Amino acid sequence: MAYTITKDSIIGDILDHDSTTAEYFFEMGMHCLGCPSSRGETLEQACEVHGVSVDELVGKLNAHINK
């Protein structure tokens, strides 16, 4: 069964499932992945703060995890 990421997925859960997804967060300028507050954010919250399209990031992450 495929792992599915949505805009409501928690960043820490995504990283725990596949730590290689960190590169996508670094790309969007989110460099503090070890910070408890960033790990508890949803993708939508993080994208809003960093001015990134949540739909684009969700697509990239799902493609990466399920390849």
Foldseek 3Di string as FASTA:
>chain_A
DADAADQQDFQLVLCVVPVVLVVLCVVLVNPPCVDPVNRGHGNNVSCVVSVHDSVVSRVVSSVVRVD
